[in-house]
PDB file of N, CA and C in Angstrom:
ATOM      1  N   UNK A   1       6.329 -31.048  14.439  1.00  0.00           N
ATOM      2  CA  UNK A   1       7.771 -30.938  14.326  1.00  0.00           C
ATOM      3  C   UNK A   1       8.100 -29.845  13.293  1.00  0.00           C
ATOM      4  N   UNK A   2       8.976 -28.908  13.667  1.00  0.00           N
ATOM      5  CA  UNK A   2       9.330 -27.840  12.728  1.00  0.00           C
ATOM      6  C   UNK A   2      10.417 -28.313  11.753  1.00  0.00           C
ATOM      7  N   UNK A   3      10.716 -27.494  10.783  1.00  0.00           N
ATOM      8  CA  UNK A   3      11.664 -27.887   9.731  1.00  0.00           C
ATOM      9  C   UNK A   3      13.051 -28.194  10.275  1.00  0.00           C
ATOM     10  N   UNK A   4      13.481 -27.411  11.256  1.00  0.00           N
ATOM     11  CA  UNK A   4      14.808 -27.636  11.831  1.00  0.00           C
ATOM     12  C   UNK A   4      14.867 -28.998  12.517  1.00  0.00           C
ATOM     13  N   UNK A   5      13.830 -29.316  13.245  1.00  0.00           N
ATOM     14  CA  UNK A   5      13.768 -30.622  13.903  1.00  0.00           C
ATOM     15  C   UNK A   5      13.724 -31.755  12.877  1.00  0.00           C
ATOM     16  N   UNK A   6      12.962 -31.565  11.803  1.00  0.00           N
ATOM     17  CA  UNK A   6      12.909 -32.572  10.742  1.00  0.00           C
ATOM     18  C   UNK A   6      14.283 -32.776  10.110  1.00  0.00           C
ATOM     19  N   UNK A   7      14.967 -31.678   9.863  1.00  0.00           N
ATOM     20  CA  UNK A   7      16.294 -31.750   9.267  1.00  0.00           C
ATOM     21  C   UNK A   7      17.274 -32.466  10.192  1.00  0.00           C
ATOM     22  N   UNK A   8      17.245 -32.106  11.463  1.00  0.00           N
ATOM     23  CA  UNK A   8      18.129 -32.766  12.426  1.00  0.00           C
ATOM     24  C   UNK A   8      17.830 -34.261  12.505  1.00  0.00           C
ATOM     25  N   UNK A   9      16.574 -34.616  12.451  1.00  0.00           N
ATOM     26  CA  UNK A   9      16.183 -36.021  12.461  1.00  0.00           C
ATOM     27  C   UNK A   9      16.734 -36.743  11.231  1.00  0.00           C
ATOM     28  N   UNK A  10      16.641 -36.102  10.087  1.00  0.00           N
ATOM     29  CA  UNK A  10      17.175 -36.701   8.857  1.00  0.00           C
ATOM     30  C   UNK A  10      18.693 -36.847   8.931  1.00  0.00           C
ATOM     31  N   UNK A  11      19.362 -35.834   9.439  1.00  0.00           N
ATOM     32  CA  UNK A  11      20.820 -35.876   9.542  1.00  0.00           C
ATOM     33  C   UNK A  11      21.262 -37.016  10.466  1.00  0.00           C
ATOM     34  N   UNK A  12      20.511 -37.242  11.527  1.00  0.00           N
ATOM     35  CA  UNK A  12      20.845 -38.327  12.439  1.00  0.00           C
ATOM     36  C   UNK A  12      20.796 -39.686  11.753  1.00  0.00           C
ATOM     37  N   UNK A  13      20.039 -39.782  10.681  1.00  0.00           N
ATOM     38  CA  UNK A  13      19.901 -41.045   9.960  1.00  0.00           C
ATOM     39  C   UNK A  13      20.896 -41.200   8.812  1.00  0.00           C
ATOM     40  N   UNK A  14      21.622 -40.147   8.504  1.00  0.00           N
ATOM     41  CA  UNK A  14      22.603 -40.199   7.413  1.00  0.00           C
ATOM     42  C   UNK A  14      23.815 -41.009   7.877  1.00  0.00           C
ATOM     43  N   UNK A  15      24.276 -41.915   7.043  1.00  0.00           N
ATOM     44  CA  UNK A  15      25.481 -42.669   7.416  1.00  0.00           C
ATOM     45  C   UNK A  15      26.679 -41.745   7.624  1.00  0.00           C
ATOM     46  N   UNK A  16      27.518 -42.102   8.560  1.00  0.00           N
ATOM     47  CA  UNK A  16      28.693 -41.297   8.919  1.00  0.00           C
ATOM     48  C   UNK A  16      29.532 -40.936   7.694  1.00  0.00           C
ATOM     49  N   UNK A  17      29.616 -41.829   6.748  1.00  0.00           N
ATOM     50  CA  UNK A  17      30.454 -41.597   5.562  1.00  0.00           C
ATOM     51  C   UNK A  17      29.942 -40.454   4.678  1.00  0.00           C
ATOM     52  N   UNK A  18      28.691 -40.054   4.849  1.00  0.00           N
ATOM     53  CA  UNK A  18      28.118 -38.970   4.040  1.00  0.00           C
ATOM     54  C   UNK A  18      28.061 -37.631   4.780  1.00  0.00           C
ATOM     55  N   UNK A  19      28.412 -37.627   6.036  1.00  0.00           N
ATOM     56  CA  UNK A  19      28.279 -36.395   6.822  1.00  0.00           C
ATOM     57  C   UNK A  19      29.187 -35.272   6.332  1.00  0.00           C
ATOM     58  N   UNK A  20      30.354 -35.604   5.788  1.00  0.00           N
ATOM     59  CA  UNK A  20      31.216 -34.560   5.212  1.00  0.00           C
ATOM     60  C   UNK A  20      30.516 -33.854   4.056  1.00  0.00           C
ATOM     61  N   UNK A  21      29.807 -34.611   3.243  1.00  0.00           N
ATOM     62  CA  UNK A  21      29.075 -34.016   2.114  1.00  0.00           C
ATOM     63  C   UNK A  21      27.925 -33.137   2.607  1.00  0.00           C
ATOM     64  N   UNK A  22      27.242 -33.603   3.643  1.00  0.00           N
ATOM     65  CA  UNK A  22      26.148 -32.812   4.215  1.00  0.00           C
ATOM     66  C   UNK A  22      26.697 -31.497   4.752  1.00  0.00           C
ATOM     67  N   UNK A  23      27.801 -31.580   5.471  1.00  0.00           N
ATOM     68  CA  UNK A  23      28.418 -30.369   6.025  1.00  0.00           C
ATOM     69  C   UNK A  23      28.885 -29.430   4.911  1.00  0.00           C
ATOM     70  N   UNK A  24      29.478 -29.978   3.857  1.00  0.00           N
ATOM     71  CA  UNK A  24      29.890 -29.158   2.710  1.00  0.00           C
ATOM     72  C   UNK A  24      28.690 -28.435   2.105  1.00  0.00           C
ATOM     73  N   UNK A  25      27.563 -29.135   2.007  1.00  0.00           N
ATOM     74  CA  UNK A  25      26.371 -28.524   1.419  1.00  0.00           C
ATOM     75  C   UNK A  25      25.842 -27.390   2.300  1.00  0.00           C
ATOM     76  N   UNK A  26      25.861 -27.600   3.609  1.00  0.00           N
ATOM     77  CA  UNK A  26      25.425 -26.537   4.525  1.00  0.00           C
ATOM     78  C   UNK A  26      26.332 -25.319   4.377  1.00  0.00           C
ATOM     79  N   UNK A  27      27.641 -25.544   4.279  1.00  0.00           N
ATOM     80  CA  UNK A  27      28.576 -24.422   4.076  1.00  0.00           C
ATOM     81  C   UNK A  27      28.310 -23.725   2.740  1.00  0.00           C
ATOM     82  N   UNK A  28      28.020 -24.503   1.702  1.00  0.00           N
ATOM     83  CA  UNK A  28      27.681 -23.934   0.399  1.00  0.00           C
ATOM     84  C   UNK A  28      26.460 -23.014   0.515  1.00  0.00           C
ATOM     85  N   UNK A  29      25.424 -23.482   1.214  1.00  0.00           N
ATOM     86  CA  UNK A  29      24.205 -22.671   1.369  1.00  0.00           C
ATOM     87  C   UNK A  29      24.484 -21.381   2.122  1.00  0.00           C
ATOM     88  N   UNK A  30      25.289 -21.453   3.173  1.00  0.00           N
ATOM     89  CA  UNK A  30      25.626 -20.247   3.935  1.00  0.00           C
ATOM     90  C   UNK A  30      26.392 -19.257   3.063  1.00  0.00           C
ATOM     91  N   UNK A  31      27.314 -19.756   2.246  1.00  0.00           N
ATOM     92  CA  UNK A  31      28.072 -18.889   1.345  1.00  0.00           C
ATOM     93  C   UNK A  31      27.155 -18.263   0.301  1.00  0.00           C
ATOM     94  N   UNK A  32      26.224 -19.051  -0.216  1.00  0.00           N
ATOM     95  CA  UNK A  32      25.273 -18.558  -1.210  1.00  0.00           C
ATOM     96  C   UNK A  32      24.427 -17.421  -0.634  1.00  0.00           C
ATOM     97  N   UNK A  33      23.960 -17.586   0.607  1.00  0.00           N
ATOM     98  CA  UNK A  33      23.155 -16.541   1.255  1.00  0.00           C
ATOM     99  C   UNK A  33      23.969 -15.264   1.408  1.00  0.00           C
ATOM    100  N   UNK A  34      25.212 -15.403   1.848  1.00  0.00           N
ATOM    101  CA  UNK A  34      26.086 -14.241   2.028  1.00  0.00           C
ATOM    102  C   UNK A  34      26.314 -13.535   0.702  1.00  0.00           C
ATOM    103  N   UNK A  35      26.572 -14.305  -0.362  1.00  0.00           N
ATOM    104  CA  UNK A  35      26.808 -13.722  -1.685  1.00  0.00           C
ATOM    105  C   UNK A  35      25.563 -12.992  -2.188  1.00  0.00           C
ATOM    106  N   UNK A  36      24.388 -13.579  -1.991  1.00  0.00           N
ATOM    107  CA  UNK A  36      23.153 -12.933  -2.440  1.00  0.00           C
ATOM    108  C   UNK A  36      22.924 -11.614  -1.704  1.00  0.00           C
ATOM    109  N   UNK A  37      23.231 -11.600  -0.412  1.00  0.00           N
ATOM    110  CA  UNK A  37      23.076 -10.355   0.354  1.00  0.00           C
ATOM    111  C   UNK A  37      24.052  -9.294  -0.134  1.00  0.00           C
ATOM    112  N   UNK A  38      25.271  -9.713  -0.432  1.00  0.00           N
ATOM    113  CA  UNK A  38      26.271  -8.776  -0.937  1.00  0.00           C
ATOM    114  C   UNK A  38      25.862  -8.245  -2.307  1.00  0.00           C
ATOM    115  N   UNK A  39      25.368  -9.121  -3.179  1.00  0.00           N
ATOM    116  CA  UNK A  39      24.903  -8.691  -4.498  1.00  0.00           C
ATOM    117  C   UNK A  39      23.778  -7.678  -4.383  1.00  0.00           C
ATOM    118  N   UNK A  40      22.869  -7.904  -3.441  1.00  0.00           N
ATOM    119  CA  UNK A  40      21.763  -6.970  -3.225  1.00  0.00           C
ATOM    120  C   UNK A  40      22.286  -5.623  -2.746  1.00  0.00           C
ATOM    121  N   UNK A  41      23.244  -5.658  -1.826  1.00  0.00           N
ATOM    122  CA  UNK A  41      23.813  -4.407  -1.312  1.00  0.00           C
ATOM    123  C   UNK A  41      24.509  -3.631  -2.416  1.00  0.00           C
ATOM    124  N   UNK A  42      25.247  -4.324  -3.260  1.00  0.00           N
ATOM    125  CA  UNK A  42      25.955  -3.662  -4.365  1.00  0.00           C
ATOM    126  C   UNK A  42      24.957  -3.064  -5.351  1.00  0.00           C
ATOM    127  N   UNK A  43      23.902  -3.814  -5.663  1.00  0.00           N
ATOM    128  CA  UNK A  43      22.880  -3.297  -6.583  1.00  0.00           C
ATOM    129  C   UNK A  43      22.186  -2.077  -5.992  1.00  0.00           C
ATOM    130  N   UNK A  44      21.908  -2.114  -4.704  1.00  0.00           N
ATOM    131  CA  UNK A  44      21.270  -0.976  -4.049  1.00  0.00           C
ATOM    132  C   UNK A  44      22.171   0.244  -4.076  1.00  0.00           C
ATOM    133  N   UNK A  45      23.462   0.024  -3.855  1.00  0.00           N
ATOM    134  CA  UNK A  45      24.400   1.142  -3.839  1.00  0.00           C
ATOM    135  C   UNK A  45      24.423   1.862  -5.179  1.00  0.00           C
ATOM    136  N   UNK A  46      24.447   1.115  -6.275  1.00  0.00           N
ATOM    137  CA  UNK A  46      24.497   1.772  -7.585  1.00  0.00           C
ATOM    138  C   UNK A  46      23.220   2.564  -7.859  1.00  0.00           C
ATOM    139  N   UNK A  47      22.096   2.072  -7.360  1.00  0.00           N
ATOM    140  CA  UNK A  47      20.834   2.792  -7.536  1.00  0.00           C
ATOM    141  C   UNK A  47      20.796   4.045  -6.665  1.00  0.00           C
ATOM    142  N   UNK A  48      21.206   3.893  -5.395  1.00  0.00           N
ATOM    143  CA  UNK A  48      21.163   5.025  -4.471  1.00  0.00           C
ATOM    144  C   UNK A  48      22.241   6.062  -4.763  1.00  0.00           C
ATOM    145  N   UNK A  49      23.315   5.638  -5.409  1.00  0.00           N
ATOM    146  CA  UNK A  49      24.422   6.541  -5.705  1.00  0.00           C
ATOM    147  C   UNK A  49      23.951   7.739  -6.527  1.00  0.00           C
ATOM    148  N   UNK A  50      22.940   7.535  -7.356  1.00  0.00           N
ATOM    149  CA  UNK A  50      22.420   8.631  -8.181  1.00  0.00           C
ATOM    150  C   UNK A  50      21.950   9.793  -7.309  1.00  0.00           C
ATOM    151  N   UNK A  51      21.325   9.470  -6.183  1.00  0.00           N
ATOM    152  CA  UNK A  51      20.872  10.519  -5.266  1.00  0.00           C
ATOM    153  C   UNK A  51      22.011  11.023  -4.392  1.00  0.00           C
ATOM    154  N   UNK A  52      22.886  10.130  -3.974  1.00  0.00           N
ATOM    155  CA  UNK A  52      23.972  10.512  -3.072  1.00  0.00           C
ATOM    156  C   UNK A  52      24.939  11.500  -3.711  1.00  0.00           C
ATOM    157  N   UNK A  53      25.119  11.412  -5.011  1.00  0.00           N
ATOM    158  CA  UNK A  53      26.127  12.233  -5.687  1.00  0.00           C
ATOM    159  C   UNK A  53      25.580  13.552  -6.222  1.00  0.00           C
ATOM    160  N   UNK A  54      24.395  13.920  -5.810  1.00  0.00           N
ATOM    161  CA  UNK A  54      23.826  15.190  -6.258  1.00  0.00           C
ATOM    162  C   UNK A  54      24.349  16.331  -5.388  1.00  0.00           C
ATOM    163  N   UNK A  55      24.554  17.502  -5.967  1.00  0.00           N
ATOM    164  CA  UNK A  55      25.028  18.646  -5.193  1.00  0.00           C
ATOM    165  C   UNK A  55      24.099  18.991  -4.025  1.00  0.00           C
ATOM    166  N   UNK A  56      22.797  18.827  -4.213  1.00  0.00           N
ATOM    167  CA  UNK A  56      21.846  19.121  -3.149  1.00  0.00           C
ATOM    168  C   UNK A  56      22.090  18.219  -1.933  1.00  0.00           C
ATOM    169  N   UNK A  57      22.479  17.002  -2.190  1.00  0.00           N
ATOM    170  CA  UNK A  57      22.757  16.055  -1.107  1.00  0.00           C
ATOM    171  C   UNK A  57      24.011  16.482  -0.344  1.00  0.00           C
ATOM    172  N   UNK A  58      25.050  16.866  -1.070  1.00  0.00           N
ATOM    173  CA  UNK A  58      26.273  17.354  -0.417  1.00  0.00           C
ATOM    174  C   UNK A  58      25.972  18.558   0.463  1.00  0.00           C
ATOM    175  N   UNK A  59      25.176  19.473  -0.052  1.00  0.00           N
ATOM    176  CA  UNK A  59      24.834  20.681   0.695  1.00  0.00           C
ATOM    177  C   UNK A  59      24.045  20.332   1.963  1.00  0.00           C
ATOM    178  N   UNK A  60      23.149  19.387   1.882  1.00  0.00           N
ATOM    179  CA  UNK A  60      22.344  19.012   3.048  1.00  0.00           C
ATOM    180  C   UNK A  60      23.184  18.417   4.155  1.00  0.00           C
ATOM    181  N   UNK A  61      24.280  17.766   3.835  1.00  0.00           N
ATOM    182  CA  UNK A  61      25.105  17.095   4.838  1.00  0.00           C
ATOM    183  C   UNK A  61      26.262  17.953   5.356  1.00  0.00           C
ATOM    184  N   UNK A  62      26.466  19.126   4.816  1.00  0.00           N
ATOM    185  CA  UNK A  62      27.595  19.960   5.220  1.00  0.00           C
ATOM    186  C   UNK A  62      27.511  20.427   6.659  1.00  0.00           C
ATOM    187  N   UNK A  63      26.321  20.566   7.192  1.00  0.00           N
ATOM    188  CA  UNK A  63      26.184  21.087   8.554  1.00  0.00           C
ATOM    189  C   UNK A  63      26.321  20.019   9.631  1.00  0.00           C
ATOM    190  N   UNK A  64      26.464  18.781   9.232  1.00  0.00           N
ATOM    191  CA  UNK A  64      26.566  17.705  10.248  1.00  0.00           C
ATOM    192  C   UNK A  64      27.979  17.382  10.589  1.00  0.00           C
TER     193      UNK A  64
END
């Protein structure tokens, strides 16, 4: 049984009264993943910006 199947099996055993909390936690995890990806993209941009803002880079892209 893979992890997804194990998780679904566990969720099936959770009392109905707790399912809102389980769903909230899943939404929290999805938001956390999105935020981490955005943070990585922002960090990459500041690092790459050093190369992007060089005059040599501007000159290389002028013909496109």
